[in-house]
PDB file of all heavy atoms in Angstrom:
ATOM      1  N   PHE A   1       8.092   2.592  15.453  1.00  0.00           N
ATOM      2  CA  PHE A   1       8.539   1.529  16.333  1.00  0.00           C
ATOM      3  C   PHE A   1       9.976   1.161  15.908  1.00  0.00           C
ATOM      4  O   PHE A   1      10.404   1.480  14.802  1.00  0.00           O
ATOM      5  CB  PHE A   1       7.662   0.307  16.210  1.00  0.00           C
ATOM      6  CG  PHE A   1       6.242   0.557  16.687  1.00  0.00           C
ATOM      7  CD1 PHE A   1       5.346   1.128  15.790  1.00  0.00           C
ATOM      8  CD2 PHE A   1       5.811   0.200  17.938  1.00  0.00           C
ATOM      9  CE1 PHE A   1       4.016   1.387  16.173  1.00  0.00           C
ATOM     10  CE2 PHE A   1       4.505   0.419  18.319  1.00  0.00           C
ATOM     11  CZ  PHE A   1       3.633   1.029  17.443  1.00  0.00           C
ATOM     12  N   ARG A   2      10.702   0.537  16.789  1.00  0.00           N
ATOM     13  CA  ARG A   2      12.048   0.091  16.459  1.00  0.00           C
ATOM     14  C   ARG A   2      12.349  -1.232  17.098  1.00  0.00           C
ATOM     15  O   ARG A   2      11.765  -1.611  18.101  1.00  0.00           O
ATOM     16  CB  ARG A   2      13.075   1.147  16.890  1.00  0.00           C
ATOM     17  CG  ARG A   2      13.222   1.344  18.395  1.00  0.00           C
ATOM     18  CD  ARG A   2      14.136   2.534  18.717  1.00  0.00           C
ATOM     19  NE  ARG A   2      14.305   2.705  20.146  1.00  0.00           N
ATOM     20  CZ  ARG A   2      14.947   3.733  20.679  1.00  0.00           C
ATOM     21  NH1 ARG A   2      15.452   4.674  19.894  1.00  0.00           N
ATOM     22  NH2 ARG A   2      15.051   3.833  22.029  1.00  0.00           N
ATOM     23  N   GLN A   3      13.258  -1.961  16.435  1.00  0.00           N
ATOM     24  CA  GLN A   3      13.657  -3.277  16.954  1.00  0.00           C
ATOM     25  C   GLN A   3      15.167  -3.428  16.758  1.00  0.00           C
ATOM     26  O   GLN A   3      15.621  -3.347  15.626  1.00  0.00           O
ATOM     27  CB  GLN A   3      12.900  -4.374  16.288  1.00  0.00           C
ATOM     28  CG  GLN A   3      13.157  -5.734  16.884  1.00  0.00           C
ATOM     29  CD  GLN A   3      12.154  -6.807  16.470  1.00  0.00           C
ATOM     30  OE1 GLN A   3      11.547  -6.690  15.389  1.00  0.00           O
ATOM     31  NE2 GLN A   3      11.946  -7.797  17.288  1.00  0.00           N
ATOM     32  N   ALA A   4      15.843  -3.670  17.834  1.00  0.00           N
ATOM     33  CA  ALA A   4      17.284  -3.936  17.802  1.00  0.00           C
ATOM     34  C   ALA A   4      17.536  -5.445  17.822  1.00  0.00           C
ATOM     35  O   ALA A   4      16.660  -6.210  18.312  1.00  0.00           O
ATOM     36  CB  ALA A   4      17.952  -3.261  18.955  1.00  0.00           C
ATOM     37  N   PRO A   5      18.640  -5.899  17.330  1.00  0.00           N
ATOM     38  CA  PRO A   5      18.940  -7.336  17.336  1.00  0.00           C
ATOM     39  C   PRO A   5      18.825  -7.924  18.744  1.00  0.00           C
ATOM     40  O   PRO A   5      19.386  -7.355  19.696  1.00  0.00           O
ATOM     41  CB  PRO A   5      20.343  -7.424  16.828  1.00  0.00           C
ATOM     42  CG  PRO A   5      20.536  -6.200  15.960  1.00  0.00           C
ATOM     43  CD  PRO A   5      19.731  -5.140  16.688  1.00  0.00           C
ATOM     44  N   GLY A   6      18.116  -9.023  18.833  1.00  0.00           N
ATOM     45  CA  GLY A   6      17.982  -9.711  20.119  1.00  0.00           C
ATOM     46  C   GLY A   6      16.974  -9.068  21.086  1.00  0.00           C
ATOM     47  O   GLY A   6      16.824  -9.574  22.205  1.00  0.00           O
ATOM     48  N   LYS A   7      16.313  -8.020  20.656  1.00  0.00           N
ATOM     49  CA  LYS A   7      15.357  -7.343  21.538  1.00  0.00           C
ATOM     50  C   LYS A   7      13.966  -7.304  20.915  1.00  0.00           C
ATOM     51  O   LYS A   7      13.852  -7.406  19.689  1.00  0.00           O
ATOM     52  CB  LYS A   7      15.835  -5.928  21.831  1.00  0.00           C
ATOM     53  CG  LYS A   7      17.125  -5.864  22.609  1.00  0.00           C
ATOM     54  CD  LYS A   7      17.434  -4.421  22.962  1.00  0.00           C
ATOM     55  CE  LYS A   7      18.716  -4.324  23.789  1.00  0.00           C
ATOM     56  NZ  LYS A   7      19.069  -2.934  24.158  1.00  0.00           N
ATOM     57  N   GLU A   8      12.988  -7.130  21.699  1.00  0.00           N
ATOM     58  CA  GLU A   8      11.623  -6.992  21.208  1.00  0.00           C
ATOM     59  C   GLU A   8      11.405  -5.613  20.618  1.00  0.00           C
ATOM     60  O   GLU A   8      12.063  -4.638  20.965  1.00  0.00           O
ATOM     61  CB  GLU A   8      10.610  -7.259  22.345  1.00  0.00           C
ATOM     62  CG  GLU A   8      10.602  -8.677  22.858  1.00  0.00           C
ATOM     63  CD  GLU A   8       9.484  -8.956  23.854  1.00  0.00           C
ATOM     64  OE1 GLU A   8       8.847  -7.997  24.270  1.00  0.00           O
ATOM     65  OE2 GLU A   8       9.290 -10.112  24.211  1.00  0.00           O
ATOM     66  N   ARG A   9      10.421  -5.554  19.754  1.00  0.00           N
ATOM     67  CA  ARG A   9      10.056  -4.302  19.158  1.00  0.00           C
ATOM     68  C   ARG A   9       9.498  -3.350  20.216  1.00  0.00           C
ATOM     69  O   ARG A   9       8.732  -3.800  21.088  1.00  0.00           O
ATOM     70  CB  ARG A   9       9.027  -4.511  18.056  1.00  0.00           C
ATOM     71  CG  ARG A   9       8.695  -3.274  17.232  1.00  0.00           C
ATOM     72  CD  ARG A   9       7.862  -3.679  16.029  1.00  0.00           C
ATOM     73  NE  ARG A   9       6.573  -4.221  16.451  1.00  0.00           N
ATOM     74  CZ  ARG A   9       5.842  -5.052  15.717  1.00  0.00           C
ATOM     75  NH1 ARG A   9       6.304  -5.439  14.516  1.00  0.00           N
ATOM     76  NH2 ARG A   9       4.682  -5.480  16.143  1.00  0.00           N
ATOM     77  N   GLU A  10       9.866  -2.076  20.182  1.00  0.00           N
ATOM     78  CA  GLU A  10       9.379  -1.093  21.113  1.00  0.00           C
ATOM     79  C   GLU A  10       8.819   0.119  20.406  1.00  0.00           C
ATOM     80  O   GLU A  10       9.307   0.490  19.318  1.00  0.00           O
ATOM     81  CB  GLU A  10      10.488  -0.683  22.088  1.00  0.00           C
ATOM     82  CG  GLU A  10      11.649   0.012  21.442  1.00  0.00           C
ATOM     83  CD  GLU A  10      12.681   0.534  22.459  1.00  0.00           C
ATOM     84  OE1 GLU A  10      12.352   0.695  23.630  1.00  0.00           O
ATOM     85  OE2 GLU A  10      13.846   0.751  22.013  1.00  0.00           O
ATOM     86  N   GLY A  11       7.854   0.728  21.021  1.00  0.00           N
ATOM     87  CA  GLY A  11       7.274   1.958  20.500  1.00  0.00           C
ATOM     88  C   GLY A  11       8.195   3.122  20.691  1.00  0.00           C
ATOM     89  O   GLY A  11       8.800   3.276  21.760  1.00  0.00           O
ATOM     90  N   VAL A  12       8.309   3.996  19.705  1.00  0.00           N
ATOM     91  CA  VAL A  12       9.124   5.200  19.778  1.00  0.00           C
ATOM     92  C   VAL A  12       8.248   6.457  19.883  1.00  0.00           C
ATOM     93  O   VAL A  12       8.440   7.294  20.745  1.00  0.00           O
ATOM     94  CB  VAL A  12      10.039   5.262  18.544  1.00  0.00           C
ATOM     95  CG1 VAL A  12      10.823   6.587  18.556  1.00  0.00           C
ATOM     96  CG2 VAL A  12      10.960   4.072  18.485  1.00  0.00           C
ATOM     97  N   SER A  13       7.253   6.550  19.005  1.00  0.00           N
ATOM     98  CA  SER A  13       6.395   7.721  18.967  1.00  0.00           C
ATOM     99  C   SER A  13       5.110   7.396  18.233  1.00  0.00           C
ATOM    100  O   SER A  13       5.083   6.441  17.479  1.00  0.00           O
ATOM    101  CB  SER A  13       7.144   8.875  18.312  1.00  0.00           C
ATOM    102  OG  SER A  13       6.350  10.104  18.375  1.00  0.00           O
ATOM    103  N   CYS A  14       4.111   8.219  18.444  1.00  0.00           N
ATOM    104  CA  CYS A  14       2.839   8.076  17.761  1.00  0.00           C
ATOM    105  C   CYS A  14       2.239   9.430  17.548  1.00  0.00           C
ATOM    106  O   CYS A  14       2.290  10.304  18.425  1.00  0.00           O
ATOM    107  CB  CYS A  14       1.861   7.226  18.589  1.00  0.00           C
ATOM    108  SG  CYS A  14       0.251   6.926  17.804  1.00  0.00           S
ATOM    109  N   ILE A  15       1.684   9.657  16.364  1.00  0.00           N
ATOM    110  CA  ILE A  15       0.943  10.867  16.076  1.00  0.00           C
ATOM    111  C   ILE A  15      -0.442  10.515  15.550  1.00  0.00           C
ATOM    112  O   ILE A  15      -0.529   9.743  14.583  1.00  0.00           O
ATOM    113  CB  ILE A  15       1.724  11.786  15.112  1.00  0.00           C
ATOM    114  CG1 ILE A  15       0.980  13.112  14.897  1.00  0.00           C
ATOM    115  CG2 ILE A  15       2.011  11.084  13.784  1.00  0.00           C
ATOM    116  CD1 ILE A  15       1.829  14.171  14.220  1.00  0.00           C
ATOM    117  N   GLY A  16      -1.429  11.002  16.187  1.00  0.00           N
ATOM    118  CA  GLY A  16      -2.819  10.679  15.813  1.00  0.00           C
ATOM    119  C   GLY A  16      -3.375  11.686  14.847  1.00  0.00           C
ATOM    120  O   GLY A  16      -2.750  12.629  14.388  1.00  0.00           O
ATOM    121  N   ALA A  17      -4.663  11.467  14.493  1.00  0.00           N
ATOM    122  CA  ALA A  17      -5.356  12.334  13.595  1.00  0.00           C
ATOM    123  C   ALA A  17      -5.780  13.633  14.254  1.00  0.00           C
ATOM    124  O   ALA A  17      -5.926  14.686  13.588  1.00  0.00           O
ATOM    125  CB  ALA A  17      -6.599  11.635  13.002  1.00  0.00           C
ATOM    126  N   SER A  18      -6.035  13.613  15.557  1.00  0.00           N
ATOM    127  CA  SER A  18      -6.475  14.793  16.297  1.00  0.00           C
ATOM    128  C   SER A  18      -5.291  15.627  16.713  1.00  0.00           C
ATOM    129  O   SER A  18      -4.214  15.131  17.019  1.00  0.00           O
ATOM    130  CB  SER A  18      -7.276  14.367  17.527  1.00  0.00           C
ATOM    131  OG  SER A  18      -8.420  13.637  17.191  1.00  0.00           O
ATOM    132  N   LYS A  19      -5.497  16.953  16.685  1.00  0.00           N
ATOM    133  CA  LYS A  19      -4.442  17.866  17.063  1.00  0.00           C
ATOM    134  C   LYS A  19      -4.032  17.621  18.521  1.00  0.00           C
ATOM    135  O   LYS A  19      -4.864  17.475  19.407  1.00  0.00           O
ATOM    136  CB  LYS A  19      -4.946  19.302  16.893  1.00  0.00           C
ATOM    137  CG  LYS A  19      -3.846  20.320  16.888  1.00  0.00           C
ATOM    138  CD  LYS A  19      -4.412  21.695  16.584  1.00  0.00           C
ATOM    139  CE  LYS A  19      -3.334  22.751  16.435  1.00  0.00           C
ATOM    140  NZ  LYS A  19      -2.511  22.457  15.217  1.00  0.00           N
ATOM    141  N   GLY A  20      -2.739  17.531  18.739  1.00  0.00           N
ATOM    142  CA  GLY A  20      -2.212  17.297  20.044  1.00  0.00           C
ATOM    143  C   GLY A  20      -2.103  15.855  20.467  1.00  0.00           C
ATOM    144  O   GLY A  20      -1.586  15.584  21.552  1.00  0.00           O
ATOM    145  N   ASP A  21      -2.555  14.963  19.627  1.00  0.00           N
ATOM    146  CA  ASP A  21      -2.495  13.519  19.944  1.00  0.00           C
ATOM    147  C   ASP A  21      -1.109  13.008  19.529  1.00  0.00           C
ATOM    148  O   ASP A  21      -0.950  12.412  18.481  1.00  0.00           O
ATOM    149  CB  ASP A  21      -3.623  12.809  19.225  1.00  0.00           C
ATOM    150  CG  ASP A  21      -3.745  11.352  19.629  1.00  0.00           C
ATOM    151  OD1 ASP A  21      -3.137  10.976  20.718  1.00  0.00           O
ATOM    152  OD2 ASP A  21      -4.424  10.567  18.946  1.00  0.00           O
ATOM    153  N   ILE A  22      -0.170  13.215  20.381  1.00  0.00           N
ATOM    154  CA  ILE A  22       1.226  12.868  20.112  1.00  0.00           C
ATOM    155  C   ILE A  22       1.809  12.246  21.364  1.00  0.00           C
ATOM    156  O   ILE A  22       1.617  12.745  22.497  1.00  0.00           O
ATOM    157  CB  ILE A  22       2.063  14.097  19.699  1.00  0.00           C
ATOM    158  CG1 ILE A  22       1.603  14.662  18.344  1.00  0.00           C
ATOM    159  CG2 ILE A  22       3.573  13.749  19.647  1.00  0.00           C
ATOM    160  CD1 ILE A  22       2.277  15.921  17.943  1.00  0.00           C
ATOM    161  N   ASN A  23       2.560  11.175  21.202  1.00  0.00           N
ATOM    162  CA  ASN A  23       3.171  10.509  22.335  1.00  0.00           C
ATOM    163  C   ASN A  23       4.583  10.087  21.923  1.00  0.00           C
ATOM    164  O   ASN A  23       4.903   9.833  20.804  1.00  0.00           O
ATOM    165  CB  ASN A  23       2.394   9.265  22.732  1.00  0.00           C
ATOM    166  CG  ASN A  23       1.089   9.579  23.428  1.00  0.00           C
ATOM    167  OD1 ASN A  23       1.057   9.857  24.621  1.00  0.00           O
ATOM    168  ND2 ASN A  23      -0.002   9.599  22.652  1.00  0.00           N
ATOM    169  N   TYR A  24       5.422  10.020  22.968  1.00  0.00           N
ATOM    170  CA  TYR A  24       6.836   9.606  22.804  1.00  0.00           C
ATOM    171  C   TYR A  24       7.199   8.638  23.908  1.00  0.00           C
ATOM    172  O   TYR A  24       6.728   8.714  25.029  1.00  0.00           O
ATOM    173  CB  TYR A  24       7.784  10.771  22.887  1.00  0.00           C
ATOM    174  CG  TYR A  24       7.621  11.798  21.812  1.00  0.00           C
ATOM    175  CD1 TYR A  24       6.906  12.975  22.077  1.00  0.00           C
ATOM    176  CD2 TYR A  24       8.218  11.635  20.568  1.00  0.00           C
ATOM    177  CE1 TYR A  24       6.734  13.904  21.080  1.00  0.00           C
ATOM    178  CE2 TYR A  24       8.055  12.619  19.571  1.00  0.00           C
ATOM    179  CZ  TYR A  24       7.322  13.723  19.842  1.00  0.00           C
ATOM    180  OH  TYR A  24       7.167  14.703  18.874  1.00  0.00           O
ATOM    181  N   ALA A  25       8.072   7.691  23.576  1.00  0.00           N
ATOM    182  CA  ALA A  25       8.667   6.884  24.602  1.00  0.00           C
ATOM    183  C   ALA A  25       9.598   7.756  25.455  1.00  0.00           C
ATOM    184  O   ALA A  25      10.187   8.715  25.028  1.00  0.00           O
ATOM    185  CB  ALA A  25       9.504   5.758  23.965  1.00  0.00           C
ATOM    186  N   ASP A  26       9.674   7.396  26.732  1.00  0.00           N
ATOM    187  CA  ASP A  26      10.466   8.206  27.672  1.00  0.00           C
ATOM    188  C   ASP A  26      11.910   8.315  27.183  1.00  0.00           C
ATOM    189  O   ASP A  26      12.568   9.366  27.398  1.00  0.00           O
ATOM    190  CB  ASP A  26      10.454   7.581  29.054  1.00  0.00           C
ATOM    191  CG  ASP A  26       9.113   7.741  29.736  1.00  0.00           C
ATOM    192  OD1 ASP A  26       8.331   8.626  29.322  1.00  0.00           O
ATOM    193  OD2 ASP A  26       8.869   7.011  30.711  1.00  0.00           O
ATOM    194  N   SER A  27      12.410   7.294  26.529  1.00  0.00           N
ATOM    195  CA  SER A  27      13.825   7.273  26.146  1.00  0.00           C
ATOM    196  C   SER A  27      14.146   8.231  25.037  1.00  0.00           C
ATOM    197  O   SER A  27      15.315   8.540  24.776  1.00  0.00           O
ATOM    198  CB  SER A  27      14.197   5.871  25.680  1.00  0.00           C
ATOM    199  OG  SER A  27      13.400   5.420  24.583  1.00  0.00           O
ATOM    200  N   VAL A  28      13.111   8.780  24.310  1.00  0.00           N
ATOM    201  CA  VAL A  28      13.378   9.680  23.202  1.00  0.00           C
ATOM    202  C   VAL A  28      12.781  11.064  23.432  1.00  0.00           C
ATOM    203  O   VAL A  28      13.003  11.958  22.596  1.00  0.00           O
ATOM    204  CB  VAL A  28      12.863   9.085  21.876  1.00  0.00           C
ATOM    205  CG1 VAL A  28      13.453   7.699  21.652  1.00  0.00           C
ATOM    206  CG2 VAL A  28      11.357   9.070  21.829  1.00  0.00           C
ATOM    207  N   LYS A  29      12.074  11.308  24.534  1.00  0.00           N
ATOM    208  CA  LYS A  29      11.492  12.582  24.787  1.00  0.00           C
ATOM    209  C   LYS A  29      12.580  13.657  24.867  1.00  0.00           C
ATOM    210  O   LYS A  29      13.605  13.504  25.510  1.00  0.00           O
ATOM    211  CB  LYS A  29      10.733  12.564  26.098  1.00  0.00           C
ATOM    212  CG  LYS A  29       9.391  11.830  26.022  1.00  0.00           C
ATOM    213  CD  LYS A  29       8.681  11.850  27.359  1.00  0.00           C
ATOM    214  CE  LYS A  29       7.333  11.098  27.290  1.00  0.00           C
ATOM    215  NZ  LYS A  29       6.635  11.057  28.596  1.00  0.00           N
ATOM    216  N   GLY A  30      12.308  14.756  24.176  1.00  0.00           N
ATOM    217  CA  GLY A  30      13.238  15.864  24.118  1.00  0.00           C
ATOM    218  C   GLY A  30      14.284  15.726  23.029  1.00  0.00           C
ATOM    219  O   GLY A  30      14.975  16.680  22.729  1.00  0.00           O
ATOM    220  N   ARG A  31      14.386  14.558  22.409  1.00  0.00           N
ATOM    221  CA  ARG A  31      15.327  14.335  21.305  1.00  0.00           C
ATOM    222  C   ARG A  31      14.656  14.091  19.971  1.00  0.00           C
ATOM    223  O   ARG A  31      15.152  14.518  18.941  1.00  0.00           O
ATOM    224  CB  ARG A  31      16.262  13.148  21.647  1.00  0.00           C
ATOM    225  CG  ARG A  31      17.091  13.329  22.918  1.00  0.00           C
ATOM    226  CD  ARG A  31      18.115  12.247  23.031  1.00  0.00           C
ATOM    227  NE  ARG A  31      17.475  10.936  23.181  1.00  0.00           N
ATOM    228  CZ  ARG A  31      17.692   9.917  22.356  1.00  0.00           C
ATOM    229  NH1 ARG A  31      18.555  10.047  21.303  1.00  0.00           N
ATOM    230  NH2 ARG A  31      17.130   8.729  22.570  1.00  0.00           N
ATOM    231  N   PHE A  32      13.544  13.386  19.991  1.00  0.00           N
ATOM    232  CA  PHE A  32      12.855  13.044  18.760  1.00  0.00           C
ATOM    233  C   PHE A  32      11.557  13.883  18.653  1.00  0.00           C
ATOM    234  O   PHE A  32      10.907  14.207  19.632  1.00  0.00           O
ATOM    235  CB  PHE A  32      12.441  11.563  18.743  1.00  0.00           C
ATOM    236  CG  PHE A  32      13.566  10.587  18.633  1.00  0.00           C
ATOM    237  CD1 PHE A  32      14.891  10.995  18.743  1.00  0.00           C
ATOM    238  CD2 PHE A  32      13.293   9.244  18.416  1.00  0.00           C
ATOM    239  CE1 PHE A  32      15.911  10.083  18.643  1.00  0.00           C
ATOM    240  CE2 PHE A  32      14.338   8.347  18.329  1.00  0.00           C
ATOM    241  CZ  PHE A  32      15.631   8.732  18.411  1.00  0.00           C
ATOM    242  N   THR A  33      11.207  14.198  17.376  1.00  0.00           N
ATOM    243  CA  THR A  33       9.997  14.922  17.090  1.00  0.00           C
ATOM    244  C   THR A  33       9.253  14.264  15.958  1.00  0.00           C
ATOM    245  O   THR A  33       9.821  14.046  14.880  1.00  0.00           O
ATOM    246  CB  THR A  33      10.269  16.397  16.747  1.00  0.00           C
ATOM    247  OG1 THR A  33      10.975  17.032  17.830  1.00  0.00           O
ATOM    248  CG2 THR A  33       8.963  17.144  16.508  1.00  0.00           C
ATOM    249  N   ILE A  34       7.989  13.943  16.173  1.00  0.00           N
ATOM    250  CA  ILE A  34       7.176  13.378  15.122  1.00  0.00           C
ATOM    251  C   ILE A  34       6.284  14.440  14.507  1.00  0.00           C
ATOM    252  O   ILE A  34       5.827  15.341  15.188  1.00  0.00           O
ATOM    253  CB  ILE A  34       6.342  12.173  15.666  1.00  0.00           C
ATOM    254  CG1 ILE A  34       5.675  11.361  14.550  1.00  0.00           C
ATOM    255  CG2 ILE A  34       5.269  12.703  16.642  1.00  0.00           C
ATOM    256  CD1 ILE A  34       5.051  10.095  15.018  1.00  0.00           C
ATOM    257  N   SER A  35       6.093  14.353  13.227  1.00  0.00           N
ATOM    258  CA  SER A  35       5.228  15.308  12.514  1.00  0.00           C
ATOM    259  C   SER A  35       4.577  14.602  11.309  1.00  0.00           C
ATOM    260  O   SER A  35       5.001  13.537  10.906  1.00  0.00           O
ATOM    261  CB  SER A  35       5.980  16.555  12.083  1.00  0.00           C
ATOM    262  OG  SER A  35       7.044  16.190  11.174  1.00  0.00           O
ATOM    263  N   ARG A  36       3.562  15.226  10.757  1.00  0.00           N
ATOM    264  CA  ARG A  36       2.889  14.632   9.614  1.00  0.00           C
ATOM    265  C   ARG A  36       2.454  15.726   8.594  1.00  0.00           C
ATOM    266  O   ARG A  36       2.208  16.853   8.990  1.00  0.00           O
ATOM    267  CB  ARG A  36       1.686  13.835  10.053  1.00  0.00           C
ATOM    268  CG  ARG A  36       0.532  14.642  10.704  1.00  0.00           C
ATOM    269  CD  ARG A  36      -0.475  13.711  11.379  1.00  0.00           C
ATOM    270  NE  ARG A  36      -1.163  12.862  10.427  1.00  0.00           N
ATOM    271  CZ  ARG A  36      -1.799  11.720  10.703  1.00  0.00           C
ATOM    272  NH1 ARG A  36      -1.823  11.317  11.988  1.00  0.00           N
ATOM    273  NH2 ARG A  36      -2.416  11.014   9.786  1.00  0.00           N
ATOM    274  N   ASP A  37       2.385  15.327   7.356  1.00  0.00           N
ATOM    275  CA  ASP A  37       1.912  16.183   6.314  1.00  0.00           C
ATOM    276  C   ASP A  37       0.872  15.338   5.537  1.00  0.00           C
ATOM    277  O   ASP A  37       1.250  14.510   4.690  1.00  0.00           O
ATOM    278  CB  ASP A  37       3.048  16.636   5.407  1.00  0.00           C
ATOM    279  CG  ASP A  37       2.612  17.628   4.337  1.00  0.00           C
ATOM    280  OD1 ASP A  37       1.431  17.587   3.940  1.00  0.00           O
ATOM    281  OD2 ASP A  37       3.412  18.440   3.921  1.00  0.00           O
ATOM    282  N   ASN A  38      -0.363  15.537   5.841  1.00  0.00           N
ATOM    283  CA  ASN A  38      -1.393  14.706   5.274  1.00  0.00           C
ATOM    284  C   ASN A  38      -1.529  14.884   3.763  1.00  0.00           C
ATOM    285  O   ASN A  38      -1.864  13.971   2.982  1.00  0.00           O
ATOM    286  CB  ASN A  38      -2.763  14.959   5.944  1.00  0.00           C
ATOM    287  CG  ASN A  38      -2.809  14.471   7.336  1.00  0.00           C
ATOM    288  OD1 ASN A  38      -2.087  13.552   7.710  1.00  0.00           O
ATOM    289  ND2 ASN A  38      -3.717  15.023   8.157  1.00  0.00           N
ATOM    290  N   THR A  39      -1.296  16.127   3.291  1.00  0.00           N
ATOM    291  CA  THR A  39      -1.348  16.386   1.868  1.00  0.00           C
ATOM    292  C   THR A  39      -0.289  15.609   1.096  1.00  0.00           C
ATOM    293  O   THR A  39      -0.576  15.038   0.024  1.00  0.00           O
ATOM    294  CB  THR A  39      -1.144  17.882   1.567  1.00  0.00           C
ATOM    295  OG1 THR A  39      -2.173  18.646   2.262  1.00  0.00           O
ATOM    296  CG2 THR A  39      -1.238  18.172   0.115  1.00  0.00           C
ATOM    297  N   LYS A  40       0.904  15.509   1.645  1.00  0.00           N
ATOM    298  CA  LYS A  40       1.982  14.746   1.046  1.00  0.00           C
ATOM    299  C   LYS A  40       1.887  13.276   1.410  1.00  0.00           C
ATOM    300  O   LYS A  40       2.661  12.462   0.869  1.00  0.00           O
ATOM    301  CB  LYS A  40       3.307  15.303   1.394  1.00  0.00           C
ATOM    302  CG  LYS A  40       3.576  16.681   0.895  1.00  0.00           C
ATOM    303  CD  LYS A  40       4.968  17.165   1.295  1.00  0.00           C
ATOM    304  CE  LYS A  40       5.281  18.540   0.740  1.00  0.00           C
ATOM    305  NZ  LYS A  40       6.597  19.017   1.164  1.00  0.00           N
ATOM    306  N   LYS A  41       1.014  12.917   2.323  1.00  0.00           N
ATOM    307  CA  LYS A  41       0.884  11.532   2.821  1.00  0.00           C
ATOM    308  C   LYS A  41       2.208  11.065   3.372  1.00  0.00           C
ATOM    309  O   LYS A  41       2.680   9.961   3.070  1.00  0.00           O
ATOM    310  CB  LYS A  41       0.341  10.611   1.739  1.00  0.00           C
ATOM    311  CG  LYS A  41      -0.990  11.064   1.132  1.00  0.00           C
ATOM    312  CD  LYS A  41      -1.524  10.157   0.071  1.00  0.00           C
ATOM    313  CE  LYS A  41      -2.043   8.886   0.651  1.00  0.00           C
ATOM    314  NZ  LYS A  41      -2.757   8.083  -0.371  1.00  0.00           N
ATOM    315  N   MET A  42       2.783  11.901   4.215  1.00  0.00           N
ATOM    316  CA  MET A  42       4.108  11.625   4.808  1.00  0.00           C
ATOM    317  C   MET A  42       4.055  11.860   6.308  1.00  0.00           C
ATOM    318  O   MET A  42       3.381  12.766   6.797  1.00  0.00           O
ATOM    319  CB  MET A  42       5.172  12.564   4.173  1.00  0.00           C
ATOM    320  CG  MET A  42       5.384  12.380   2.697  1.00  0.00           C
ATOM    321  SD  MET A  42       6.310  10.826   2.344  1.00  0.00           S
ATOM    322  CE  MET A  42       7.943  11.268   2.948  1.00  0.00           C
ATOM    323  N   VAL A  43       4.782  11.050   7.007  1.00  0.00           N
ATOM    324  CA  VAL A  43       5.030  11.258   8.417  1.00  0.00           C
ATOM    325  C   VAL A  43       6.525  11.236   8.636  1.00  0.00           C
ATOM    326  O   VAL A  43       7.227  10.403   8.029  1.00  0.00           O
ATOM    327  CB  VAL A  43       4.347  10.152   9.253  1.00  0.00           C
ATOM    328  CG1 VAL A  43       4.644  10.305  10.740  1.00  0.00           C
ATOM    329  CG2 VAL A  43       2.849  10.180   9.037  1.00  0.00           C
ATOM    330  N   TYR A  44       7.005  12.085   9.521  1.00  0.00           N
ATOM    331  CA  TYR A  44       8.426  12.246   9.753  1.00  0.00           C
ATOM    332  C   TYR A  44       8.754  11.987  11.201  1.00  0.00           C
ATOM    333  O   TYR A  44       7.973  12.176  12.108  1.00  0.00           O
ATOM    334  CB  TYR A  44       8.894  13.635   9.361  1.00  0.00           C
ATOM    335  CG  TYR A  44       8.479  14.063   7.976  1.00  0.00           C
ATOM    336  CD1 TYR A  44       7.402  14.883   7.779  1.00  0.00           C
ATOM    337  CD2 TYR A  44       9.192  13.603   6.859  1.00  0.00           C
ATOM    338  CE1 TYR A  44       7.024  15.276   6.484  1.00  0.00           C
ATOM    339  CE2 TYR A  44       8.793  13.985   5.588  1.00  0.00           C
ATOM    340  CZ  TYR A  44       7.720  14.828   5.400  1.00  0.00           C
ATOM    341  OH  TYR A  44       7.356  15.187   4.135  1.00  0.00           O
TER     342      TYR A  44
END
């Protein structure tokens, strides 16, 4: 999620536990990519 000064917080992307459960805000589609590494306990 992201929040700019004077604006409400908005969702950017989400990655779920199930394969293919990925979503993006329209404003970032094609530019942002979400990924996860459960072994490292990291999301990018």
